[in-house]
Amino acid sequence: MIGLVADENFSGPVVRGLRRRHPDADIVTVQEVGLTSASDPDVLEWAARQGRLVVSHDVQTMIRFANERTAAGKPMPGLIEAKRRLPPGPRSRSSSTSSSRRE
């Protein structure tokens, strides 16, 4: 399984939901590993040393720093940029199931 690290601005409810739906998911937050307030380059460096993909909502800077790492030939396991807001509609099977029961 691929390990993930959620950066400081990543949605806590998403992390908790992932853990609840997939208890075996290998995801940690920067806060849990002692990287609170760390710079994006420091988070990317830690993730590379640990072999973890970074999940982030930070499209302003995180992508630039990830690109700089790869351009410099540094290890970069990966970066997942997630939209902060989802379009309207069912968010999960459980929400769509519960709404269909109400009809």
N, C-alpha and C. Protein backbone atom coordinates (compact mmCIF):
# COMPACT_ATOMS: atom_id res chain seq x y z
N MET A 1 0.84 -1.18 0.00
CA MET A 1 0.00 0.00 0.00
C MET A 1 0.88 1.24 0.00
N ILE A 2 0.46 2.24 -0.73
CA ILE A 2 1.20 3.50 -0.81
C ILE A 2 0.92 4.32 0.44
N GLY A 3 1.98 4.85 1.04
CA GLY A 3 1.83 5.72 2.19
C GLY A 3 1.55 7.14 1.75
N LEU A 4 0.71 7.83 2.51
CA LEU A 4 0.36 9.21 2.24
C LEU A 4 0.69 10.08 3.43
N VAL A 5 0.98 11.34 3.17
CA VAL A 5 1.08 12.33 4.22
C VAL A 5 0.23 13.52 3.81
N ALA A 6 -0.69 13.91 4.68
CA ALA A 6 -1.55 15.06 4.43
C ALA A 6 -0.86 16.31 4.95
N ASP A 7 -0.72 17.31 4.08
CA ASP A 7 -0.05 18.52 4.54
C ASP A 7 -0.96 19.31 5.47
N GLU A 8 -0.41 20.38 6.02
CA GLU A 8 -1.08 21.09 7.10
C GLU A 8 -2.43 21.66 6.71
N ASN A 9 -2.60 22.05 5.46
CA ASN A 9 -3.87 22.66 5.06
C ASN A 9 -4.87 21.65 4.51
N PHE A 10 -4.52 20.36 4.49
CA PHE A 10 -5.42 19.37 3.93
C PHE A 10 -6.59 19.12 4.89
N SER A 11 -7.74 18.88 4.34
CA SER A 11 -8.98 18.73 5.09
C SER A 11 -8.93 17.60 6.12
N GLY A 12 -9.06 17.97 7.38
CA GLY A 12 -9.12 16.98 8.46
C GLY A 12 -10.28 16.01 8.30
N PRO A 13 -11.49 16.50 7.94
CA PRO A 13 -12.60 15.58 7.74
C PRO A 13 -12.33 14.54 6.64
N VAL A 14 -11.60 14.91 5.61
CA VAL A 14 -11.27 13.95 4.55
C VAL A 14 -10.34 12.87 5.11
N VAL A 15 -9.34 13.27 5.88
CA VAL A 15 -8.42 12.30 6.49
C VAL A 15 -9.19 11.37 7.42
N ARG A 16 -10.05 11.94 8.27
CA ARG A 16 -10.82 11.11 9.20
C ARG A 16 -11.77 10.18 8.44
N GLY A 17 -12.39 10.67 7.37
CA GLY A 17 -13.29 9.84 6.57
C GLY A 17 -12.54 8.69 5.90
N LEU A 18 -11.35 8.98 5.38
CA LEU A 18 -10.54 7.93 4.76
C LEU A 18 -10.18 6.87 5.79
N ARG A 19 -9.78 7.30 6.96
CA ARG A 19 -9.42 6.35 8.02
C ARG A 19 -10.62 5.52 8.46
N ARG A 20 -11.78 6.15 8.51
CA ARG A 20 -12.99 5.44 8.93
C ARG A 20 -13.40 4.40 7.88
N ARG A 21 -13.35 4.77 6.62
CA ARG A 21 -13.76 3.85 5.55
C ARG A 21 -12.71 2.80 5.23
N HIS A 22 -11.43 3.15 5.43
CA HIS A 22 -10.32 2.25 5.13
C HIS A 22 -9.34 2.25 6.31
N PRO A 23 -9.66 1.54 7.38
CA PRO A 23 -8.83 1.57 8.58
C PRO A 23 -7.38 1.14 8.33
N ASP A 24 -7.14 0.39 7.27
CA ASP A 24 -5.77 -0.04 6.97
C ASP A 24 -5.01 0.97 6.12
N ALA A 25 -5.64 2.10 5.77
CA ALA A 25 -4.97 3.12 4.96
C ALA A 25 -3.75 3.66 5.70
N ASP A 26 -2.66 3.80 4.98
CA ASP A 26 -1.41 4.31 5.56
C ASP A 26 -1.33 5.80 5.30
N ILE A 27 -2.00 6.58 6.15
CA ILE A 27 -2.00 8.03 6.00
C ILE A 27 -1.67 8.67 7.35
N VAL A 28 -0.78 9.63 7.31
CA VAL A 28 -0.43 10.41 8.49
C VAL A 28 -0.58 11.89 8.11
N THR A 29 -0.69 12.72 9.11
CA THR A 29 -0.72 14.17 8.88
C THR A 29 0.62 14.77 9.29
N VAL A 30 0.92 15.93 8.74
CA VAL A 30 2.18 16.56 9.13
C VAL A 30 2.20 16.87 10.62
N GLN A 31 1.03 17.15 11.18
CA GLN A 31 0.97 17.43 12.61
C GLN A 31 1.37 16.19 13.42
N GLU A 32 0.94 15.01 12.98
CA GLU A 32 1.23 13.77 13.70
C GLU A 32 2.71 13.39 13.66
N VAL A 33 3.41 13.86 12.63
CA VAL A 33 4.83 13.48 12.50
C VAL A 33 5.77 14.62 12.89
N GLY A 34 5.22 15.65 13.54
CA GLY A 34 6.06 16.72 14.06
C GLY A 34 6.46 17.77 13.05
N LEU A 35 5.68 17.93 11.97
CA LEU A 35 6.02 18.92 10.95
C LEU A 35 5.04 20.10 10.91
N THR A 36 4.37 20.36 12.03
CA THR A 36 3.47 21.50 12.09
C THR A 36 4.24 22.77 11.75
N SER A 37 3.68 23.57 10.88
CA SER A 37 4.27 24.84 10.41
C SER A 37 5.54 24.65 9.58
N ALA A 38 5.83 23.43 9.15
CA ALA A 38 7.02 23.21 8.30
C ALA A 38 6.76 23.81 6.92
N SER A 39 7.82 24.21 6.27
CA SER A 39 7.70 24.75 4.91
C SER A 39 7.34 23.63 3.94
N ASP A 40 6.79 24.00 2.79
CA ASP A 40 6.46 23.00 1.77
C ASP A 40 7.69 22.20 1.36
N PRO A 41 8.85 22.84 1.11
CA PRO A 41 10.03 22.04 0.76
C PRO A 41 10.41 21.04 1.85
N ASP A 42 10.25 21.42 3.12
CA ASP A 42 10.57 20.49 4.21
C ASP A 42 9.60 19.31 4.25
N VAL A 43 8.31 19.58 4.00
CA VAL A 43 7.32 18.50 3.96
C VAL A 43 7.63 17.56 2.80
N LEU A 44 7.95 18.12 1.63
CA LEU A 44 8.28 17.28 0.48
C LEU A 44 9.54 16.46 0.73
N GLU A 45 10.53 17.05 1.39
CA GLU A 45 11.76 16.32 1.71
C GLU A 45 11.46 15.16 2.66
N TRP A 46 10.68 15.43 3.72
CA TRP A 46 10.32 14.37 4.66
C TRP A 46 9.58 13.25 3.94
N ALA A 47 8.59 13.63 3.11
CA ALA A 47 7.79 12.64 2.38
C ALA A 47 8.69 11.79 1.47
N ALA A 48 9.65 12.43 0.81
CA ALA A 48 10.56 11.69 -0.07
C ALA A 48 11.39 10.68 0.74
N ARG A 49 11.90 11.10 1.90
CA ARG A 49 12.69 10.18 2.73
C ARG A 49 11.85 9.01 3.23
N GLN A 50 10.55 9.26 3.44
CA GLN A 50 9.66 8.22 3.96
C GLN A 50 8.97 7.43 2.84
N GLY A 51 9.14 7.86 1.58
CA GLY A 51 8.49 7.19 0.46
C GLY A 51 6.99 7.38 0.43
N ARG A 52 6.53 8.56 0.87
CA ARG A 52 5.10 8.85 0.93
C ARG A 52 4.70 9.89 -0.11
N LEU A 53 3.49 9.76 -0.63
CA LEU A 53 2.91 10.77 -1.49
C LEU A 53 2.32 11.85 -0.60
N VAL A 54 2.43 13.09 -1.03
CA VAL A 54 1.85 14.21 -0.29
C VAL A 54 0.46 14.49 -0.87
N VAL A 55 -0.52 14.66 0.01
CA VAL A 55 -1.85 15.12 -0.42
C VAL A 55 -2.04 16.53 0.11
N SER A 56 -2.53 17.40 -0.76
CA SER A 56 -2.58 18.82 -0.43
C SER A 56 -3.71 19.51 -1.17
N HIS A 57 -4.15 20.62 -0.60
CA HIS A 57 -5.06 21.54 -1.29
C HIS A 57 -4.27 22.75 -1.80
N ASP A 58 -2.99 22.83 -1.49
CA ASP A 58 -2.16 24.00 -1.74
C ASP A 58 -1.65 24.04 -3.18
N VAL A 59 -2.50 24.55 -4.08
CA VAL A 59 -2.09 24.61 -5.49
C VAL A 59 -1.20 25.82 -5.76
N GLN A 60 -1.11 26.74 -4.83
CA GLN A 60 -0.32 27.96 -5.03
C GLN A 60 1.18 27.68 -5.02
N THR A 61 1.64 26.89 -4.07
CA THR A 61 3.09 26.71 -3.94
C THR A 61 3.57 25.27 -3.99
N MET A 62 2.78 24.33 -3.52
CA MET A 62 3.25 22.95 -3.40
C MET A 62 3.68 22.37 -4.75
N ILE A 63 2.90 22.64 -5.80
CA ILE A 63 3.26 22.13 -7.13
C ILE A 63 4.60 22.70 -7.58
N ARG A 64 4.81 23.98 -7.35
CA ARG A 64 6.07 24.61 -7.75
C ARG A 64 7.25 23.95 -7.04
N PHE A 65 7.13 23.74 -5.74
CA PHE A 65 8.23 23.12 -5.00
C PHE A 65 8.45 21.67 -5.43
N ALA A 66 7.37 20.95 -5.72
CA ALA A 66 7.51 19.57 -6.21
C ALA A 66 8.24 19.56 -7.56
N ASN A 67 7.88 20.48 -8.44
CA ASN A 67 8.55 20.58 -9.74
C ASN A 67 10.02 20.94 -9.58
N GLU A 68 10.33 21.81 -8.64
CA GLU A 68 11.73 22.17 -8.38
C GLU A 68 12.53 20.96 -7.91
N ARG A 69 11.91 20.12 -7.07
CA ARG A 69 12.59 18.90 -6.60
C ARG A 69 12.92 17.99 -7.78
N THR A 70 11.94 17.75 -8.64
CA THR A 70 12.18 16.84 -9.76
C THR A 70 13.19 17.43 -10.74
N ALA A 71 13.12 18.75 -10.96
CA ALA A 71 14.08 19.39 -11.87
C ALA A 71 15.51 19.29 -11.33
N ALA A 72 15.64 19.28 -10.01
CA ALA A 72 16.95 19.17 -9.38
C ALA A 72 17.41 17.72 -9.25
N GLY A 73 16.58 16.77 -9.71
CA GLY A 73 16.94 15.36 -9.63
C GLY A 73 16.75 14.75 -8.25
N LYS A 74 16.01 15.44 -7.39
CA LYS A 74 15.75 14.92 -6.04
C LYS A 74 14.57 13.95 -6.09
N PRO A 75 14.54 13.00 -5.16
CA PRO A 75 13.42 12.05 -5.13
C PRO A 75 12.09 12.78 -4.88
N MET A 76 11.07 12.32 -5.55
CA MET A 76 9.74 12.92 -5.40
C MET A 76 8.70 11.81 -5.60
N PRO A 77 8.31 11.11 -4.52
CA PRO A 77 7.37 10.01 -4.66
C PRO A 77 6.04 10.41 -5.30
N GLY A 78 5.59 11.63 -5.07
CA GLY A 78 4.36 12.07 -5.70
C GLY A 78 3.63 13.13 -4.90
N LEU A 79 2.74 13.81 -5.60
CA LEU A 79 1.94 14.87 -5.01
C LEU A 79 0.53 14.76 -5.57
N ILE A 80 -0.44 14.71 -4.69
CA ILE A 80 -1.84 14.69 -5.10
C ILE A 80 -2.45 16.02 -4.68
N GLU A 81 -2.87 16.80 -5.66
CA GLU A 81 -3.53 18.07 -5.39
C GLU A 81 -5.02 17.84 -5.47
N ALA A 82 -5.72 18.06 -4.37
CA ALA A 82 -7.16 17.83 -4.31
C ALA A 82 -7.89 19.16 -4.23
N LYS A 83 -8.98 19.27 -4.96
CA LYS A 83 -9.79 20.47 -4.87
C LYS A 83 -10.33 20.59 -3.45
N ARG A 84 -10.40 21.82 -2.99
CA ARG A 84 -10.91 22.06 -1.63
C ARG A 84 -12.42 21.84 -1.58
N ARG A 85 -13.11 22.15 -2.65
CA ARG A 85 -14.57 22.02 -2.68
C ARG A 85 -14.97 21.02 -3.75
N LEU A 86 -15.94 20.18 -3.41
CA LEU A 86 -16.47 19.22 -4.36
C LEU A 86 -17.71 19.80 -5.03
N PRO A 87 -17.99 19.38 -6.26
CA PRO A 87 -19.23 19.83 -6.90
C PRO A 87 -20.44 19.27 -6.16
N PRO A 88 -21.60 19.89 -6.33
CA PRO A 88 -22.80 19.38 -5.66
C PRO A 88 -23.10 17.94 -6.10
N GLY A 89 -23.69 17.18 -5.21
CA GLY A 89 -24.07 15.81 -5.52
C GLY A 89 -23.66 14.88 -4.41
N PRO A 90 -23.97 13.60 -4.57
CA PRO A 90 -23.62 12.62 -3.53
C PRO A 90 -22.11 12.58 -3.30
N ARG A 91 -21.70 12.52 -2.04
CA ARG A 91 -20.29 12.52 -1.69
C ARG A 91 -19.75 11.10 -1.49
N SER A 92 -20.65 10.19 -1.14
CA SER A 92 -20.22 8.82 -0.91
C SER A 92 -21.40 7.89 -1.10
N ARG A 93 -21.11 6.60 -1.15
CA ARG A 93 -22.20 5.63 -1.29
C ARG A 93 -23.16 5.73 -0.11
N SER A 94 -22.65 5.96 1.09
CA SER A 94 -23.54 6.00 2.25
C SER A 94 -24.48 7.19 2.19
N SER A 95 -24.03 8.35 1.68
CA SER A 95 -24.92 9.50 1.59
C SER A 95 -25.96 9.30 0.50
N SER A 96 -25.59 8.68 -0.62
CA SER A 96 -26.57 8.46 -1.69
C SER A 96 -27.56 7.38 -1.27
N THR A 97 -27.12 6.40 -0.49
CA THR A 97 -28.02 5.36 -0.02
C THR A 97 -29.04 5.94 0.94
N SER A 98 -28.57 6.78 1.88
CA SER A 98 -29.50 7.34 2.86
C SER A 98 -30.49 8.28 2.21
N SER A 99 -30.09 9.03 1.17
CA SER A 99 -31.02 9.94 0.50
C SER A 99 -32.06 9.15 -0.28
N SER A 100 -31.70 7.99 -0.85
CA SER A 100 -32.66 7.22 -1.61
C SER A 100 -33.70 6.58 -0.69
N ARG A 101 -33.34 6.34 0.57
CA ARG A 101 -34.29 5.77 1.51
C ARG A 101 -35.36 6.78 1.91
N ARG A 102 -35.02 8.07 1.86
CA ARG A 102 -35.96 9.09 2.27
C ARG A 102 -37.03 9.35 1.21
N GLU A 103 -36.77 8.96 -0.02
CA GLU A 103 -37.72 9.26 -1.09
C GLU A 103 -38.92 8.38 -1.06
